[in-house]
Amino acid sequence: MLSARNRFKGRIKEVRLGQVMAEVIIAVGDLEVVSLISRTSAERMGLKVGDEAAAVVKATEVMVEKG
């Protein structure tokens, strides 16, 4: 359970996998939210273009939640 109040539901527009990190772009209405997460986390969540996901914002961090 995440303890963040700001959850923006949308669809994954792009996932760019690097050596260590992954850049995940979530389309939320007319806006895009970009998050950098570990490549391992992106792979474990099975993130792919078109998936429904949420950008969860707490302080200065953006976390990604799926499901």
N, C-alpha and C. Protein backbone atom coordinates (compact mmCIF):
# COMPACT_ATOMS: atom_id res chain seq x y z
N MET A 1 0.84 -1.18 0.00
CA MET A 1 0.00 0.00 0.00
C MET A 1 0.88 1.23 0.00
N LEU A 2 0.63 2.14 -0.92
CA LEU A 2 1.40 3.37 -1.01
C LEU A 2 0.72 4.46 -0.17
N SER A 3 1.52 5.32 0.43
CA SER A 3 0.95 6.36 1.28
C SER A 3 1.05 7.74 0.63
N ALA A 4 0.76 7.81 -0.65
CA ALA A 4 0.80 9.09 -1.37
C ALA A 4 -0.63 9.50 -1.71
N ARG A 5 -0.88 10.79 -1.67
CA ARG A 5 -2.24 11.28 -1.93
C ARG A 5 -2.50 11.57 -3.41
N ASN A 6 -1.46 11.85 -4.17
CA ASN A 6 -1.63 12.27 -5.55
C ASN A 6 -1.40 11.10 -6.50
N ARG A 7 -2.48 10.59 -7.05
CA ARG A 7 -2.42 9.45 -7.96
C ARG A 7 -3.07 9.88 -9.28
N PHE A 8 -2.30 9.79 -10.36
CA PHE A 8 -2.77 10.22 -11.68
C PHE A 8 -2.85 9.00 -12.58
N LYS A 9 -4.07 8.56 -12.87
CA LYS A 9 -4.28 7.37 -13.68
C LYS A 9 -4.16 7.71 -15.16
N GLY A 10 -3.52 6.81 -15.90
CA GLY A 10 -3.36 7.02 -17.34
C GLY A 10 -2.91 5.74 -18.02
N ARG A 11 -2.28 5.90 -19.17
CA ARG A 11 -1.77 4.77 -19.94
C ARG A 11 -0.30 5.00 -20.25
N ILE A 12 0.45 3.91 -20.23
CA ILE A 12 1.87 4.01 -20.54
C ILE A 12 2.03 4.31 -22.03
N LYS A 13 2.74 5.41 -22.30
CA LYS A 13 2.98 5.85 -23.67
C LYS A 13 4.32 5.32 -24.19
N GLU A 14 5.30 5.23 -23.28
CA GLU A 14 6.62 4.79 -23.69
C GLU A 14 7.40 4.25 -22.50
N VAL A 15 8.21 3.23 -22.74
CA VAL A 15 9.13 2.69 -21.73
C VAL A 15 10.49 2.60 -22.40
N ARG A 16 11.46 3.34 -21.88
CA ARG A 16 12.82 3.31 -22.42
C ARG A 16 13.72 2.63 -21.39
N LEU A 17 14.22 1.45 -21.74
CA LEU A 17 15.07 0.71 -20.82
C LEU A 17 16.53 1.05 -21.05
N GLY A 18 17.21 1.45 -19.98
CA GLY A 18 18.64 1.68 -20.02
C GLY A 18 19.35 0.53 -19.33
N GLN A 19 20.64 0.69 -19.11
CA GLN A 19 21.42 -0.35 -18.43
C GLN A 19 20.92 -0.59 -17.01
N VAL A 20 20.64 0.51 -16.29
CA VAL A 20 20.26 0.43 -14.87
C VAL A 20 18.87 0.99 -14.62
N MET A 21 18.52 2.06 -15.33
CA MET A 21 17.26 2.77 -15.10
C MET A 21 16.31 2.59 -16.27
N ALA A 22 15.04 2.88 -16.01
CA ALA A 22 14.01 2.88 -17.05
C ALA A 22 13.27 4.20 -16.97
N GLU A 23 13.01 4.80 -18.12
CA GLU A 23 12.20 6.01 -18.19
C GLU A 23 10.81 5.59 -18.62
N VAL A 24 9.82 5.91 -17.81
CA VAL A 24 8.44 5.52 -18.08
C VAL A 24 7.63 6.79 -18.30
N ILE A 25 6.96 6.88 -19.43
CA ILE A 25 6.12 8.04 -19.74
C ILE A 25 4.67 7.59 -19.69
N ILE A 26 3.89 8.26 -18.83
CA ILE A 26 2.47 7.95 -18.67
C ILE A 26 1.65 9.12 -19.18
N ALA A 27 0.75 8.86 -20.12
CA ALA A 27 -0.16 9.88 -20.63
C ALA A 27 -1.35 9.97 -19.68
N VAL A 28 -1.54 11.17 -19.13
CA VAL A 28 -2.65 11.44 -18.21
C VAL A 28 -3.45 12.57 -18.84
N GLY A 29 -4.52 12.22 -19.54
CA GLY A 29 -5.26 13.24 -20.28
C GLY A 29 -4.36 13.85 -21.33
N ASP A 30 -4.27 15.19 -21.33
CA ASP A 30 -3.42 15.90 -22.28
C ASP A 30 -1.98 16.05 -21.79
N LEU A 31 -1.71 15.55 -20.60
CA LEU A 31 -0.38 15.70 -20.01
C LEU A 31 0.39 14.40 -20.05
N GLU A 32 1.71 14.52 -19.91
CA GLU A 32 2.57 13.35 -19.77
C GLU A 32 3.35 13.47 -18.47
N VAL A 33 3.41 12.38 -17.73
CA VAL A 33 4.21 12.31 -16.51
C VAL A 33 5.37 11.37 -16.80
N VAL A 34 6.59 11.83 -16.51
CA VAL A 34 7.78 11.03 -16.77
C VAL A 34 8.39 10.63 -15.43
N SER A 35 8.71 9.35 -15.32
CA SER A 35 9.31 8.84 -14.10
C SER A 35 10.54 8.01 -14.44
N LEU A 36 11.57 8.13 -13.65
CA LEU A 36 12.75 7.28 -13.75
C LEU A 36 12.69 6.28 -12.62
N ILE A 37 12.65 5.01 -12.96
CA ILE A 37 12.63 3.93 -11.97
C ILE A 37 13.73 2.94 -12.35
N SER A 38 14.01 2.01 -11.49
CA SER A 38 15.04 1.02 -11.83
C SER A 38 14.53 0.12 -12.95
N ARG A 39 15.45 -0.33 -13.77
CA ARG A 39 15.10 -1.26 -14.85
C ARG A 39 14.49 -2.52 -14.27
N THR A 40 15.06 -2.98 -13.15
CA THR A 40 14.54 -4.18 -12.50
C THR A 40 13.07 -4.01 -12.12
N SER A 41 12.71 -2.86 -11.56
CA SER A 41 11.32 -2.61 -11.17
C SER A 41 10.40 -2.61 -12.39
N ALA A 42 10.83 -1.96 -13.46
CA ALA A 42 10.02 -1.91 -14.68
C ALA A 42 9.80 -3.31 -15.23
N GLU A 43 10.85 -4.12 -15.22
CA GLU A 43 10.74 -5.49 -15.72
C GLU A 43 9.86 -6.34 -14.81
N ARG A 44 10.00 -6.20 -13.50
CA ARG A 44 9.17 -6.97 -12.56
C ARG A 44 7.69 -6.63 -12.68
N MET A 45 7.39 -5.35 -12.95
CA MET A 45 6.00 -4.94 -13.13
C MET A 45 5.48 -5.29 -14.51
N GLY A 46 6.39 -5.64 -15.42
CA GLY A 46 5.97 -5.98 -16.78
C GLY A 46 5.39 -4.79 -17.51
N LEU A 47 5.94 -3.60 -17.28
CA LEU A 47 5.41 -2.39 -17.89
C LEU A 47 5.60 -2.41 -19.40
N LYS A 48 4.50 -2.10 -20.11
CA LYS A 48 4.60 -2.02 -21.55
C LYS A 48 3.62 -0.98 -22.07
N VAL A 49 3.90 -0.49 -23.26
CA VAL A 49 3.08 0.54 -23.90
C VAL A 49 1.63 0.07 -23.95
N GLY A 50 0.73 0.97 -23.58
CA GLY A 50 -0.71 0.68 -23.61
C GLY A 50 -1.28 0.21 -22.29
N ASP A 51 -0.40 -0.21 -21.36
CA ASP A 51 -0.88 -0.64 -20.04
C ASP A 51 -1.51 0.52 -19.29
N GLU A 52 -2.58 0.23 -18.54
CA GLU A 52 -3.10 1.22 -17.60
C GLU A 52 -2.14 1.26 -16.42
N ALA A 53 -1.82 2.45 -15.98
CA ALA A 53 -0.90 2.62 -14.85
C ALA A 53 -1.23 3.95 -14.18
N ALA A 54 -0.63 4.18 -13.05
CA ALA A 54 -0.82 5.45 -12.35
C ALA A 54 0.53 6.01 -11.96
N ALA A 55 0.65 7.33 -12.10
CA ALA A 55 1.82 8.04 -11.58
C ALA A 55 1.44 8.46 -10.17
N VAL A 56 2.18 8.01 -9.21
CA VAL A 56 1.90 8.30 -7.81
C VAL A 56 2.95 9.28 -7.32
N VAL A 57 2.52 10.48 -6.95
CA VAL A 57 3.45 11.55 -6.62
C VAL A 57 3.46 11.79 -5.11
N LYS A 58 4.64 11.76 -4.54
CA LYS A 58 4.83 12.07 -3.12
C LYS A 58 6.08 12.93 -3.01
N ALA A 59 5.94 14.11 -2.47
CA ALA A 59 7.05 15.06 -2.36
C ALA A 59 7.63 15.30 -3.75
N THR A 60 8.92 15.07 -3.93
CA THR A 60 9.56 15.33 -5.22
C THR A 60 9.75 14.06 -6.02
N GLU A 61 9.20 12.95 -5.58
CA GLU A 61 9.37 11.68 -6.27
C GLU A 61 8.11 11.29 -7.02
N VAL A 62 8.28 10.57 -8.12
CA VAL A 62 7.16 9.99 -8.84
C VAL A 62 7.36 8.49 -8.87
N MET A 63 6.38 7.76 -8.33
CA MET A 63 6.41 6.31 -8.34
C MET A 63 5.38 5.82 -9.34
N VAL A 64 5.56 4.63 -9.85
CA VAL A 64 4.63 4.06 -10.81
C VAL A 64 3.91 2.89 -10.17
N GLU A 65 2.58 2.86 -10.32
CA GLU A 65 1.78 1.77 -9.78
C GLU A 65 0.99 1.16 -10.93
N LYS A 66 0.95 -0.14 -10.96
CA LYS A 66 0.18 -0.84 -12.00
C LYS A 66 -0.80 -1.78 -11.32
N GLY A 67 -2.03 -1.76 -11.81
CA GLY A 67 -3.02 -2.70 -11.27
C GLY A 67 -3.88 -2.17 -10.20
